[in-house]
């Protein structure tokens, strides 16, 4: 199936969007000083010390997911493992009921699919309708937090203040919540699934991880480097420049490919090879760089690390289910993620 990625959205999708709160620039699409203000206001829950506090609950969620499939000696890793882990974590952080997991996944998918620029008109309409539902629901949750504050991210958004004592507008809170859902869901899901595939494809490296489980964080970074869940983002050229002999006029739109930089042979020895002993694995740009470095990077690394560590601790003989995989990825110019990954294993505990 072919789609024209440069075509305008269908009229029905436009009409639905006109009924919604307008999009605003907050983190990913913003620059200083506005970006600096917003980043400072939402940074605290995602700092390393805050994520350390979440470690025990993340481990519990990972073990719950393994418990759900370990007795079957087989699993479809994407839907049984890679999807529910980050959804449950971000639901808990936002203060949403885990019973909303399937709805959270719908909202997240509807948010990112249009960005991939490979979606049919019919799907664009569904995505618009789904995002309208998302906005209506979250506005209600934000209003509830104003009346009855809780210890969660949504309450943090309603109470955060900048240096002038100003809080977030509703469109800003909706934009941030949408980004939390995506950053805390889609990218981590894709990273976990890619990592399990790499464990099976690299038995010697898997054996090293089993012998040295403290290297699981390095493995998570290697997965993010080699199979970057976010392959790149569009950016605007701020001044006339030239890259690799190509002139880029000011105002040009360019695709910055993080995935290509992550395999730079001048930076990484044997750049295309998985190495859980690599000393500079954490220097990848899978989360971007500079002021736009992903705010959820610490959370994603922790989730992936525990997902890999506990899976290796609890299962052995990890292998592809015979004849069950086509290794197809979701169509997207931005994200890279497996549609499914069927595996077999034997339980160790």
C-alpha atoms as a PDB file:
ATOM      1  CA  UNK A   1       0.000   0.000   0.000  1.00  0.00           C
ATOM      2  CA  UNK A   2       1.343   3.432  -0.972  1.00  0.00           C
ATOM      3  CA  UNK A   3       0.417   6.781   0.563  1.00  0.00           C
ATOM      4  CA  UNK A   4       1.347  10.337  -0.388  1.00  0.00           C
ATOM      5  CA  UNK A   5       3.063  11.577   2.753  1.00  0.00           C
ATOM      6  CA  UNK A   6       2.958  15.204   1.542  1.00  0.00           C
ATOM      7  CA  UNK A   7      -0.791  15.356   0.904  1.00  0.00           C
ATOM      8  CA  UNK A   8      -2.990  17.547   3.138  1.00  0.00           C
ATOM      9  CA  UNK A   9      -5.043  15.780   5.821  1.00  0.00           C
ATOM     10  CA  UNK A  10      -8.658  14.922   4.935  1.00  0.00           C
ATOM     11  CA  UNK A  11     -11.357  17.517   5.609  1.00  0.00           C
ATOM     12  CA  UNK A  12     -12.989  15.386   8.308  1.00  0.00           C
ATOM     13  CA  UNK A  13      -9.741  15.166  10.271  1.00  0.00           C
ATOM     14  CA  UNK A  14      -9.269  18.938   9.971  1.00  0.00           C
ATOM     15  CA  UNK A  15     -12.821  19.527  11.206  1.00  0.00           C
ATOM     16  CA  UNK A  16     -12.231  17.341  14.263  1.00  0.00           C
ATOM     17  CA  UNK A  17      -8.951  19.094  15.062  1.00  0.00           C
ATOM     18  CA  UNK A  18     -10.722  22.454  14.945  1.00  0.00           C
ATOM     19  CA  UNK A  19     -12.880  21.280  17.852  1.00  0.00           C
ATOM     20  CA  UNK A  20      -9.795  20.543  19.948  1.00  0.00           C
ATOM     21  CA  UNK A  21      -7.443  22.692  21.999  1.00  0.00           C
ATOM     22  CA  UNK A  22      -4.823  24.020  19.556  1.00  0.00           C
ATOM     23  CA  UNK A  23      -1.336  22.489  19.501  1.00  0.00           C
ATOM     24  CA  UNK A  24       1.337  24.515  21.282  1.00  0.00           C
ATOM     25  CA  UNK A  25       5.115  24.264  21.412  1.00  0.00           C
ATOM     26  CA  UNK A  26       6.376  22.921  24.736  1.00  0.00           C
ATOM     27  CA  UNK A  27       9.407  20.601  24.766  1.00  0.00           C
ATOM     28  CA  UNK A  28      10.235  18.815  21.501  1.00  0.00           C
ATOM     29  CA  UNK A  29       9.272  21.685  19.178  1.00  0.00           C
ATOM     30  CA  UNK A  30      10.298  24.650  21.305  1.00  0.00           C
ATOM     31  CA  UNK A  31      13.376  26.840  21.717  1.00  0.00           C
ATOM     32  CA  UNK A  32      14.667  29.058  24.551  1.00  0.00           C
ATOM     33  CA  UNK A  33      13.554  31.004  26.446  1.00  0.00           C
ATOM     34  CA  UNK A  34      10.105  29.367  26.291  1.00  0.00           C
ATOM     35  CA  UNK A  35      11.630  25.881  26.213  1.00  0.00           C
ATOM     36  CA  UNK A  36      13.841  26.658  29.219  1.00  0.00           C
ATOM     37  CA  UNK A  37      10.847  27.810  31.270  1.00  0.00           C
ATOM     38  CA  UNK A  38       8.815  24.678  30.538  1.00  0.00           C
ATOM     39  CA  UNK A  39      11.707  22.243  30.973  1.00  0.00           C
ATOM     40  CA  UNK A  40      12.474  23.627  34.431  1.00  0.00           C
ATOM     41  CA  UNK A  41       8.837  23.276  35.446  1.00  0.00           C
ATOM     42  CA  UNK A  42       8.550  19.579  34.526  1.00  0.00           C
ATOM     43  CA  UNK A  43      12.106  18.305  35.027  1.00  0.00           C
ATOM     44  CA  UNK A  44      11.931  17.167  38.676  1.00  0.00           C
ATOM     45  CA  UNK A  45       9.867  13.938  38.262  1.00  0.00           C
ATOM     46  CA  UNK A  46      12.278  12.683  35.588  1.00  0.00           C
ATOM     47  CA  UNK A  47      15.605  13.348  37.301  1.00  0.00           C
ATOM     48  CA  UNK A  48      17.810  10.357  38.211  1.00  0.00           C
ATOM     49  CA  UNK A  49      16.954  10.498  41.916  1.00  0.00           C
ATOM     50  CA  UNK A  50      13.229  10.490  41.117  1.00  0.00           C
ATOM     51  CA  UNK A  51      13.622   7.466  38.839  1.00  0.00           C
ATOM     52  CA  UNK A  52      15.623   5.642  41.523  1.00  0.00           C
ATOM     53  CA  UNK A  53      12.591   5.954  43.798  1.00  0.00           C
ATOM     54  CA  UNK A  54      10.520   4.226  41.085  1.00  0.00           C
ATOM     55  CA  UNK A  55      12.932   1.301  40.637  1.00  0.00           C
ATOM     56  CA  UNK A  56      11.141  -1.099  42.983  1.00  0.00           C
ATOM     57  CA  UNK A  57       7.755  -0.424  41.384  1.00  0.00           C
ATOM     58  CA  UNK A  58       9.238  -0.839  37.886  1.00  0.00           C
ATOM     59  CA  UNK A  59      10.746  -4.179  38.914  1.00  0.00           C
ATOM     60  CA  UNK A  60       7.369  -5.258  40.307  1.00  0.00           C
ATOM     61  CA  UNK A  61       5.613  -4.339  37.054  1.00  0.00           C
ATOM     62  CA  UNK A  62       8.184  -6.241  34.983  1.00  0.00           C
ATOM     63  CA  UNK A  63       7.781  -9.328  37.170  1.00  0.00           C
ATOM     64  CA  UNK A  64       3.981  -9.072  36.920  1.00  0.00           C
ATOM     65  CA  UNK A  65       4.235  -9.108  33.127  1.00  0.00           C
ATOM     66  CA  UNK A  66       6.560 -12.124  33.167  1.00  0.00           C
ATOM     67  CA  UNK A  67       4.217 -13.895  35.588  1.00  0.00           C
ATOM     68  CA  UNK A  68       1.423 -13.501  33.039  1.00  0.00           C
ATOM     69  CA  UNK A  69       3.182 -15.541  30.337  1.00  0.00           C
ATOM     70  CA  UNK A  70       5.949 -17.596  31.935  1.00  0.00           C
ATOM     71  CA  UNK A  71       3.749 -20.649  32.483  1.00  0.00           C
ATOM     72  CA  UNK A  72       3.036 -20.941  28.760  1.00  0.00           C
ATOM     73  CA  UNK A  73       6.730 -21.301  27.803  1.00  0.00           C
ATOM     74  CA  UNK A  74       6.016 -18.954  24.888  1.00  0.00           C
ATOM     75  CA  UNK A  75       5.088 -15.308  24.422  1.00  0.00           C
ATOM     76  CA  UNK A  76       4.510 -12.620  21.844  1.00  0.00           C
ATOM     77  CA  UNK A  77       7.006 -10.181  23.291  1.00  0.00           C
ATOM     78  CA  UNK A  78       5.592  -6.964  21.825  1.00  0.00           C
ATOM     79  CA  UNK A  79       2.060  -7.298  23.215  1.00  0.00           C
ATOM     80  CA  UNK A  80       2.784  -9.513  26.230  1.00  0.00           C
ATOM     81  CA  UNK A  81       5.848  -7.663  27.511  1.00  0.00           C
ATOM     82  CA  UNK A  82       7.124  -4.607  25.651  1.00  0.00           C
ATOM     83  CA  UNK A  83       3.768  -2.792  25.554  1.00  0.00           C
ATOM     84  CA  UNK A  84       2.378  -3.391  29.069  1.00  0.00           C
ATOM     85  CA  UNK A  85       5.560  -2.528  30.999  1.00  0.00           C
ATOM     86  CA  UNK A  86       5.858   1.151  29.983  1.00  0.00           C
ATOM     87  CA  UNK A  87       2.083   1.641  29.843  1.00  0.00           C
ATOM     88  CA  UNK A  88       1.665   0.511  33.449  1.00  0.00           C
ATOM     89  CA  UNK A  89       4.619   2.632  34.562  1.00  0.00           C
ATOM     90  CA  UNK A  90       3.411   5.833  32.887  1.00  0.00           C
ATOM     91  CA  UNK A  91      -0.178   5.195  34.015  1.00  0.00           C
ATOM     92  CA  UNK A  92       1.038   5.003  37.613  1.00  0.00           C
ATOM     93  CA  UNK A  93       3.147   8.150  37.204  1.00  0.00           C
ATOM     94  CA  UNK A  94       0.268  10.123  35.692  1.00  0.00           C
ATOM     95  CA  UNK A  95      -2.122   8.826  38.327  1.00  0.00           C
ATOM     96  CA  UNK A  96      -4.353   6.982  35.855  1.00  0.00           C
ATOM     97  CA  UNK A  97      -6.081   3.676  36.514  1.00  0.00           C
ATOM     98  CA  UNK A  98      -4.203   0.731  34.982  1.00  0.00           C
ATOM     99  CA  UNK A  99      -7.573  -0.459  33.686  1.00  0.00           C
ATOM    100  CA  UNK A 100      -7.137   2.318  31.097  1.00  0.00           C
ATOM    101  CA  UNK A 101      -4.075   0.568  29.632  1.00  0.00           C
ATOM    102  CA  UNK A 102      -5.685  -0.260  26.289  1.00  0.00           C
ATOM    103  CA  UNK A 103      -7.066   3.269  26.014  1.00  0.00           C
ATOM    104  CA  UNK A 104      -3.655   4.770  26.833  1.00  0.00           C
ATOM    105  CA  UNK A 105      -2.164   2.667  24.038  1.00  0.00           C
ATOM    106  CA  UNK A 106      -4.851   3.926  21.629  1.00  0.00           C
ATOM    107  CA  UNK A 107      -4.112   7.539  22.561  1.00  0.00           C
ATOM    108  CA  UNK A 108      -0.374   7.037  22.200  1.00  0.00           C
ATOM    109  CA  UNK A 109      -0.698   5.327  18.806  1.00  0.00           C
ATOM    110  CA  UNK A 110      -3.043   8.052  17.545  1.00  0.00           C
ATOM    111  CA  UNK A 111      -0.509  10.654  18.605  1.00  0.00           C
ATOM    112  CA  UNK A 112       2.519   9.172  16.849  1.00  0.00           C
ATOM    113  CA  UNK A 113       1.123   7.513  13.722  1.00  0.00           C
ATOM    114  CA  UNK A 114       0.478  10.780  11.832  1.00  0.00           C
ATOM    115  CA  UNK A 115       4.062  11.853  12.601  1.00  0.00           C
ATOM    116  CA  UNK A 116       5.332   8.847  10.654  1.00  0.00           C
ATOM    117  CA  UNK A 117       3.790  10.343   7.488  1.00  0.00           C
ATOM    118  CA  UNK A 118       2.714   6.907   6.223  1.00  0.00           C
ATOM    119  CA  UNK A 119      -0.940   6.809   7.291  1.00  0.00           C
ATOM    120  CA  UNK A 120      -4.101   6.501   5.190  1.00  0.00           C
ATOM    121  CA  UNK A 121      -6.800   9.190   5.202  1.00  0.00           C
ATOM    122  CA  UNK A 122      -9.142   6.821   7.028  1.00  0.00           C
ATOM    123  CA  UNK A 123      -6.593   6.291   9.772  1.00  0.00           C
ATOM    124  CA  UNK A 124      -5.914  10.042  10.043  1.00  0.00           C
ATOM    125  CA  UNK A 125      -9.611  10.604  10.779  1.00  0.00           C
ATOM    126  CA  UNK A 126      -9.583   7.884  13.441  1.00  0.00           C
ATOM    127  CA  UNK A 127      -6.428   9.369  14.971  1.00  0.00           C
ATOM    128  CA  UNK A 128      -8.006  12.832  15.112  1.00  0.00           C
ATOM    129  CA  UNK A 129     -11.148  11.449  16.736  1.00  0.00           C
ATOM    130  CA  UNK A 130      -9.061   9.500  19.252  1.00  0.00           C
ATOM    131  CA  UNK A 131      -6.983  12.554  20.169  1.00  0.00           C
ATOM    132  CA  UNK A 132     -10.167  14.572  20.721  1.00  0.00           C
ATOM    133  CA  UNK A 133     -11.248  11.863  23.163  1.00  0.00           C
ATOM    134  CA  UNK A 134      -7.810  12.029  24.818  1.00  0.00           C
ATOM    135  CA  UNK A 135      -8.048  15.783  25.308  1.00  0.00           C
ATOM    136  CA  UNK A 136     -11.562  15.616  26.741  1.00  0.00           C
ATOM    137  CA  UNK A 137     -10.531  12.920  29.209  1.00  0.00           C
ATOM    138  CA  UNK A 138      -7.296  14.584  30.354  1.00  0.00           C
ATOM    139  CA  UNK A 139      -8.968  17.981  30.819  1.00  0.00           C
ATOM    140  CA  UNK A 140     -11.400  16.269  33.181  1.00  0.00           C
ATOM    141  CA  UNK A 141      -8.520  14.634  35.056  1.00  0.00           C
ATOM    142  CA  UNK A 142      -6.674  17.952  35.352  1.00  0.00           C
ATOM    143  CA  UNK A 143      -9.774  19.640  36.754  1.00  0.00           C
ATOM    144  CA  UNK A 144     -10.105  16.817  39.285  1.00  0.00           C
ATOM    145  CA  UNK A 145      -6.453  17.279  40.356  1.00  0.00           C
ATOM    146  CA  UNK A 146      -7.027  20.985  40.951  1.00  0.00           C
ATOM    147  CA  UNK A 147      -9.857  20.135  43.343  1.00  0.00           C
ATOM    148  CA  UNK A 148      -8.144  17.126  44.925  1.00  0.00           C
ATOM    149  CA  UNK A 149      -4.347  17.156  44.464  1.00  0.00           C
ATOM    150  CA  UNK A 150      -2.554  13.806  44.435  1.00  0.00           C
ATOM    151  CA  UNK A 151       1.029  12.631  44.289  1.00  0.00           C
ATOM    152  CA  UNK A 152       1.183  12.199  40.513  1.00  0.00           C
ATOM    153  CA  UNK A 153       2.349  13.856  37.302  1.00  0.00           C
ATOM    154  CA  UNK A 154      -1.025  15.377  36.439  1.00  0.00           C
ATOM    155  CA  UNK A 155      -1.117  17.133  39.810  1.00  0.00           C
ATOM    156  CA  UNK A 156       2.449  18.304  39.199  1.00  0.00           C
ATOM    157  CA  UNK A 157       1.322  19.928  35.946  1.00  0.00           C
ATOM    158  CA  UNK A 158      -1.522  21.773  37.677  1.00  0.00           C
ATOM    159  CA  UNK A 159       0.669  23.070  40.518  1.00  0.00           C
ATOM    160  CA  UNK A 160       3.980  23.828  38.750  1.00  0.00           C
ATOM    161  CA  UNK A 161       4.918  27.512  38.614  1.00  0.00           C
ATOM    162  CA  UNK A 162       7.650  29.402  36.788  1.00  0.00           C
ATOM    163  CA  UNK A 163       9.868  32.148  38.214  1.00  0.00           C
ATOM    164  CA  UNK A 164       7.045  34.657  37.754  1.00  0.00           C
ATOM    165  CA  UNK A 165       4.511  32.486  39.537  1.00  0.00           C
ATOM    166  CA  UNK A 166       2.732  31.590  36.295  1.00  0.00           C
ATOM    167  CA  UNK A 167       1.411  28.073  35.729  1.00  0.00           C
ATOM    168  CA  UNK A 168       0.758  26.049  32.609  1.00  0.00           C
ATOM    169  CA  UNK A 169      -2.156  26.760  30.286  1.00  0.00           C
ATOM    170  CA  UNK A 170      -4.533  23.907  29.448  1.00  0.00           C
ATOM    171  CA  UNK A 171      -3.050  23.527  25.919  1.00  0.00           C
ATOM    172  CA  UNK A 172       0.441  23.327  27.457  1.00  0.00           C
ATOM    173  CA  UNK A 173      -0.660  20.664  29.945  1.00  0.00           C
ATOM    174  CA  UNK A 174      -2.310  18.663  27.166  1.00  0.00           C
ATOM    175  CA  UNK A 175       0.805  18.892  25.009  1.00  0.00           C
ATOM    176  CA  UNK A 176       3.032  17.768  27.879  1.00  0.00           C
ATOM    177  CA  UNK A 177       0.741  14.898  28.861  1.00  0.00           C
ATOM    178  CA  UNK A 178       0.679  13.753  25.241  1.00  0.00           C
ATOM    179  CA  UNK A 179       4.485  13.797  25.127  1.00  0.00           C
ATOM    180  CA  UNK A 180       4.712  11.906  28.428  1.00  0.00           C
ATOM    181  CA  UNK A 181       2.424   9.213  27.008  1.00  0.00           C
ATOM    182  CA  UNK A 182       4.481   8.832  23.841  1.00  0.00           C
ATOM    183  CA  UNK A 183       7.930   9.143  25.432  1.00  0.00           C
ATOM    184  CA  UNK A 184       6.858   6.844  28.255  1.00  0.00           C
ATOM    185  CA  UNK A 185       5.273   4.309  25.968  1.00  0.00           C
ATOM    186  CA  UNK A 186       6.023   3.973  22.242  1.00  0.00           C
ATOM    187  CA  UNK A 187       9.790   4.429  22.309  1.00  0.00           C
ATOM    188  CA  UNK A 188      10.342   2.188  25.335  1.00  0.00           C
ATOM    189  CA  UNK A 189       8.101  -0.503  23.858  1.00  0.00           C
ATOM    190  CA  UNK A 190      10.127  -0.485  20.650  1.00  0.00           C
ATOM    191  CA  UNK A 191      13.389  -0.580  22.590  1.00  0.00           C
ATOM    192  CA  UNK A 192      12.369  -3.566  24.723  1.00  0.00           C
ATOM    193  CA  UNK A 193      11.183  -5.566  21.703  1.00  0.00           C
ATOM    194  CA  UNK A 194      14.341  -4.759  19.738  1.00  0.00           C
ATOM    195  CA  UNK A 195      16.450  -5.762  22.723  1.00  0.00           C
ATOM    196  CA  UNK A 196      14.838  -9.191  23.042  1.00  0.00           C
ATOM    197  CA  UNK A 197      15.426  -9.740  19.322  1.00  0.00           C
ATOM    198  CA  UNK A 198      19.084  -8.785  19.777  1.00  0.00           C
ATOM    199  CA  UNK A 199      19.447 -11.171  22.725  1.00  0.00           C
ATOM    200  CA  UNK A 200      18.318 -14.056  20.513  1.00  0.00           C
ATOM    201  CA  UNK A 201      20.452 -12.951  17.560  1.00  0.00           C
ATOM    202  CA  UNK A 202      23.585 -12.572  19.711  1.00  0.00           C
ATOM    203  CA  UNK A 203      23.895 -15.647  21.973  1.00  0.00           C
ATOM    204  CA  UNK A 204      27.471 -14.863  23.018  1.00  0.00           C
ATOM    205  CA  UNK A 205      26.445 -11.392  24.178  1.00  0.00           C
ATOM    206  CA  UNK A 206      23.405 -12.887  25.918  1.00  0.00           C
ATOM    207  CA  UNK A 207      25.729 -15.255  27.787  1.00  0.00           C
ATOM    208  CA  UNK A 208      27.868 -12.308  28.867  1.00  0.00           C
ATOM    209  CA  UNK A 209      24.790 -10.553  30.243  1.00  0.00           C
ATOM    210  CA  UNK A 210      23.745 -13.647  32.151  1.00  0.00           C
ATOM    211  CA  UNK A 211      27.223 -13.793  33.682  1.00  0.00           C
ATOM    212  CA  UNK A 212      27.342 -10.031  34.263  1.00  0.00           C
ATOM    213  CA  UNK A 213      23.772  -8.750  34.863  1.00  0.00           C
ATOM    214  CA  UNK A 214      25.233  -5.423  35.961  1.00  0.00           C
ATOM    215  CA  UNK A 215      25.901  -4.809  32.229  1.00  0.00           C
ATOM    216  CA  UNK A 216      22.183  -4.706  31.399  1.00  0.00           C
ATOM    217  CA  UNK A 217      22.228  -0.898  31.445  1.00  0.00           C
ATOM    218  CA  UNK A 218      25.049  -0.978  28.879  1.00  0.00           C
ATOM    219  CA  UNK A 219      23.005  -3.429  26.824  1.00  0.00           C
ATOM    220  CA  UNK A 220      20.015  -1.078  26.994  1.00  0.00           C
ATOM    221  CA  UNK A 221      22.214   1.717  25.653  1.00  0.00           C
ATOM    222  CA  UNK A 222      23.543  -0.535  22.892  1.00  0.00           C
ATOM    223  CA  UNK A 223      19.962  -1.346  21.871  1.00  0.00           C
ATOM    224  CA  UNK A 224      19.166   2.364  21.790  1.00  0.00           C
ATOM    225  CA  UNK A 225      22.298   2.973  19.717  1.00  0.00           C
ATOM    226  CA  UNK A 226      21.882   0.160  17.183  1.00  0.00           C
ATOM    227  CA  UNK A 227      18.070   0.054  16.921  1.00  0.00           C
ATOM    228  CA  UNK A 228      17.184   3.651  17.797  1.00  0.00           C
ATOM    229  CA  UNK A 229      13.416   3.663  18.543  1.00  0.00           C
ATOM    230  CA  UNK A 230      13.382   7.291  17.382  1.00  0.00           C
ATOM    231  CA  UNK A 231      15.270   7.206  14.085  1.00  0.00           C
ATOM    232  CA  UNK A 232      15.258  10.971  13.661  1.00  0.00           C
ATOM    233  CA  UNK A 233      13.260  14.180  13.840  1.00  0.00           C
ATOM    234  CA  UNK A 234      12.613  17.074  11.498  1.00  0.00           C
ATOM    235  CA  UNK A 235      14.457  20.278  12.386  1.00  0.00           C
ATOM    236  CA  UNK A 236      14.700  23.804  10.956  1.00  0.00           C
ATOM    237  CA  UNK A 237      18.048  25.213   9.775  1.00  0.00           C
ATOM    238  CA  UNK A 238      18.689  28.429  11.743  1.00  0.00           C
ATOM    239  CA  UNK A 239      21.440  29.847   9.511  1.00  0.00           C
ATOM    240  CA  UNK A 240      22.849  29.271   6.030  1.00  0.00           C
ATOM    241  CA  UNK A 241      25.265  26.366   6.315  1.00  0.00           C
ATOM    242  CA  UNK A 242      26.814  23.466   4.436  1.00  0.00           C
ATOM    243  CA  UNK A 243      26.979  19.822   5.542  1.00  0.00           C
ATOM    244  CA  UNK A 244      28.844  17.178   3.557  1.00  0.00           C
ATOM    245  CA  UNK A 245      29.013  19.436   0.528  1.00  0.00           C
ATOM    246  CA  UNK A 246      25.263  20.108   0.574  1.00  0.00           C
ATOM    247  CA  UNK A 247      24.151  23.705   1.052  1.00  0.00           C
ATOM    248  CA  UNK A 248      21.332  24.167   3.570  1.00  0.00           C
ATOM    249  CA  UNK A 249      19.694  27.607   3.398  1.00  0.00           C
ATOM    250  CA  UNK A 250      18.296  29.201   6.536  1.00  0.00           C
ATOM    251  CA  UNK A 251      14.725  28.037   7.119  1.00  0.00           C
ATOM    252  CA  UNK A 252      15.210  24.683   5.376  1.00  0.00           C
ATOM    253  CA  UNK A 253      13.519  21.644   6.870  1.00  0.00           C
ATOM    254  CA  UNK A 254      15.915  18.766   7.439  1.00  0.00           C
ATOM    255  CA  UNK A 255      15.609  15.275   8.853  1.00  0.00           C
ATOM    256  CA  UNK A 256      18.196  14.820  11.581  1.00  0.00           C
ATOM    257  CA  UNK A 257      18.922  11.073  11.635  1.00  0.00           C
ATOM    258  CA  UNK A 258      19.972  10.021  15.132  1.00  0.00           C
ATOM    259  CA  UNK A 259      20.186   6.408  13.941  1.00  0.00           C
ATOM    260  CA  UNK A 260      22.953   7.258  11.458  1.00  0.00           C
ATOM    261  CA  UNK A 261      24.982   9.166  14.041  1.00  0.00           C
ATOM    262  CA  UNK A 262      24.696   6.209  16.409  1.00  0.00           C
ATOM    263  CA  UNK A 263      26.635   4.031  13.963  1.00  0.00           C
ATOM    264  CA  UNK A 264      29.414   6.538  13.309  1.00  0.00           C
ATOM    265  CA  UNK A 265      32.632   4.470  12.921  1.00  0.00           C
ATOM    266  CA  UNK A 266      34.706   7.479  13.988  1.00  0.00           C
ATOM    267  CA  UNK A 267      32.998   7.416  17.385  1.00  0.00           C
ATOM    268  CA  UNK A 268      32.283   3.716  17.926  1.00  0.00           C
ATOM    269  CA  UNK A 269      34.765   0.921  17.257  1.00  0.00           C
ATOM    270  CA  UNK A 270      33.020  -1.800  15.235  1.00  0.00           C
ATOM    271  CA  UNK A 271      30.003   0.497  15.155  1.00  0.00           C
ATOM    272  CA  UNK A 272      27.588  -2.063  13.694  1.00  0.00           C
ATOM    273  CA  UNK A 273      28.375  -4.693  16.330  1.00  0.00           C
ATOM    274  CA  UNK A 274      26.567  -5.239  19.636  1.00  0.00           C
ATOM    275  CA  UNK A 275      29.054  -5.052  22.518  1.00  0.00           C
ATOM    276  CA  UNK A 276      27.763  -5.158  26.097  1.00  0.00           C
ATOM    277  CA  UNK A 277      31.282  -4.322  27.287  1.00  0.00           C
ATOM    278  CA  UNK A 278      31.454  -1.142  25.184  1.00  0.00           C
ATOM    279  CA  UNK A 279      32.881   1.688  27.285  1.00  0.00           C
ATOM    280  CA  UNK A 280      31.059   4.538  25.519  1.00  0.00           C
ATOM    281  CA  UNK A 281      27.666   2.956  24.788  1.00  0.00           C
ATOM    282  CA  UNK A 282      25.910   5.656  26.792  1.00  0.00           C
ATOM    283  CA  UNK A 283      27.123   8.436  24.500  1.00  0.00           C
ATOM    284  CA  UNK A 284      24.584   7.591  21.783  1.00  0.00           C
ATOM    285  CA  UNK A 285      22.118  10.242  20.599  1.00  0.00           C
ATOM    286  CA  UNK A 286      19.084   7.961  20.609  1.00  0.00           C
ATOM    287  CA  UNK A 287      17.471  10.424  23.015  1.00  0.00           C
ATOM    288  CA  UNK A 288      18.634  13.488  21.107  1.00  0.00           C
ATOM    289  CA  UNK A 289      21.217  15.854  22.557  1.00  0.00           C
ATOM    290  CA  UNK A 290      21.654  19.229  24.179  1.00  0.00           C
ATOM    291  CA  UNK A 291      18.657  21.113  25.520  1.00  0.00           C
ATOM    292  CA  UNK A 292      16.288  18.816  23.630  1.00  0.00           C
ATOM    293  CA  UNK A 293      17.686  15.622  25.141  1.00  0.00           C
ATOM    294  CA  UNK A 294      14.622  13.501  25.924  1.00  0.00           C
ATOM    295  CA  UNK A 295      13.223  14.361  29.343  1.00  0.00           C
ATOM    296  CA  UNK A 296      12.217  10.720  29.848  1.00  0.00           C
ATOM    297  CA  UNK A 297      15.622   9.227  29.014  1.00  0.00           C
ATOM    298  CA  UNK A 298      16.369   8.123  32.589  1.00  0.00           C
ATOM    299  CA  UNK A 299      12.958   6.484  32.894  1.00  0.00           C
ATOM    300  CA  UNK A 300      13.277   4.639  29.566  1.00  0.00           C
ATOM    301  CA  UNK A 301      16.750   3.329  30.422  1.00  0.00           C
ATOM    302  CA  UNK A 302      15.543   2.073  33.796  1.00  0.00           C
ATOM    303  CA  UNK A 303      12.523   0.306  32.289  1.00  0.00           C
ATOM    304  CA  UNK A 304      14.604  -1.315  29.556  1.00  0.00           C
ATOM    305  CA  UNK A 305      17.362  -2.326  31.969  1.00  0.00           C
ATOM    306  CA  UNK A 306      14.949  -4.051  34.347  1.00  0.00           C
ATOM    307  CA  UNK A 307      13.030  -5.640  31.456  1.00  0.00           C
ATOM    308  CA  UNK A 308      16.223  -7.247  30.139  1.00  0.00           C
ATOM    309  CA  UNK A 309      17.726  -8.137  33.527  1.00  0.00           C
ATOM    310  CA  UNK A 310      14.628  -9.823  34.932  1.00  0.00           C
ATOM    311  CA  UNK A 311      13.774 -11.636  31.691  1.00  0.00           C
ATOM    312  CA  UNK A 312      17.258 -13.169  31.585  1.00  0.00           C
ATOM    313  CA  UNK A 313      16.982 -14.013  35.276  1.00  0.00           C
ATOM    314  CA  UNK A 314      13.663 -15.806  34.890  1.00  0.00           C
ATOM    315  CA  UNK A 315      13.873 -17.570  31.510  1.00  0.00           C
ATOM    316  CA  UNK A 316      16.422 -19.658  29.652  1.00  0.00           C
ATOM    317  CA  UNK A 317      16.697 -21.124  26.146  1.00  0.00           C
ATOM    318  CA  UNK A 318      15.216 -17.960  24.641  1.00  0.00           C
ATOM    319  CA  UNK A 319      14.486 -18.558  20.949  1.00  0.00           C
ATOM    320  CA  UNK A 320      12.229 -17.503  18.087  1.00  0.00           C
ATOM    321  CA  UNK A 321       8.992 -19.463  17.817  1.00  0.00           C
ATOM    322  CA  UNK A 322       9.356 -21.620  14.695  1.00  0.00           C
ATOM    323  CA  UNK A 323       7.708 -20.089  11.635  1.00  0.00           C
ATOM    324  CA  UNK A 324       5.847 -17.438  13.638  1.00  0.00           C
ATOM    325  CA  UNK A 325       7.819 -14.276  12.839  1.00  0.00           C
ATOM    326  CA  UNK A 326       8.055 -12.083   9.762  1.00  0.00           C
ATOM    327  CA  UNK A 327      10.084  -9.387  11.612  1.00  0.00           C
ATOM    328  CA  UNK A 328       8.020  -6.595  10.053  1.00  0.00           C
ATOM    329  CA  UNK A 329       8.274  -3.087  11.489  1.00  0.00           C
ATOM    330  CA  UNK A 330       5.559  -0.466  11.777  1.00  0.00           C
ATOM    331  CA  UNK A 331       5.645   1.916   8.767  1.00  0.00           C
ATOM    332  CA  UNK A 332       7.126   5.227   9.895  1.00  0.00           C
ATOM    333  CA  UNK A 333       9.790   7.740   8.938  1.00  0.00           C
ATOM    334  CA  UNK A 334      10.300   8.629  12.603  1.00  0.00           C
ATOM    335  CA  UNK A 335       9.890   5.540  14.785  1.00  0.00           C
ATOM    336  CA  UNK A 336      11.288   2.028  14.412  1.00  0.00           C
ATOM    337  CA  UNK A 337       9.424  -0.780  16.117  1.00  0.00           C
ATOM    338  CA  UNK A 338       8.591  -4.430  15.546  1.00  0.00           C
ATOM    339  CA  UNK A 339       4.943  -5.316  14.989  1.00  0.00           C
ATOM    340  CA  UNK A 340       5.312  -8.659  16.783  1.00  0.00           C
ATOM    341  CA  UNK A 341       7.962 -11.019  18.129  1.00  0.00           C
ATOM    342  CA  UNK A 342       7.003 -14.593  19.017  1.00  0.00           C
ATOM    343  CA  UNK A 343       9.473 -16.399  21.276  1.00  0.00           C
ATOM    344  CA  UNK A 344       9.790 -19.648  23.201  1.00  0.00           C
ATOM    345  CA  UNK A 345      11.741 -20.292  26.401  1.00  0.00           C
ATOM    346  CA  UNK A 346      12.042 -22.435  29.504  1.00  0.00           C
ATOM    347  CA  UNK A 347      11.296 -20.954  32.918  1.00  0.00           C
ATOM    348  CA  UNK A 348      14.038 -20.809  35.530  1.00  0.00           C
ATOM    349  CA  UNK A 349      11.759 -19.457  38.278  1.00  0.00           C
END
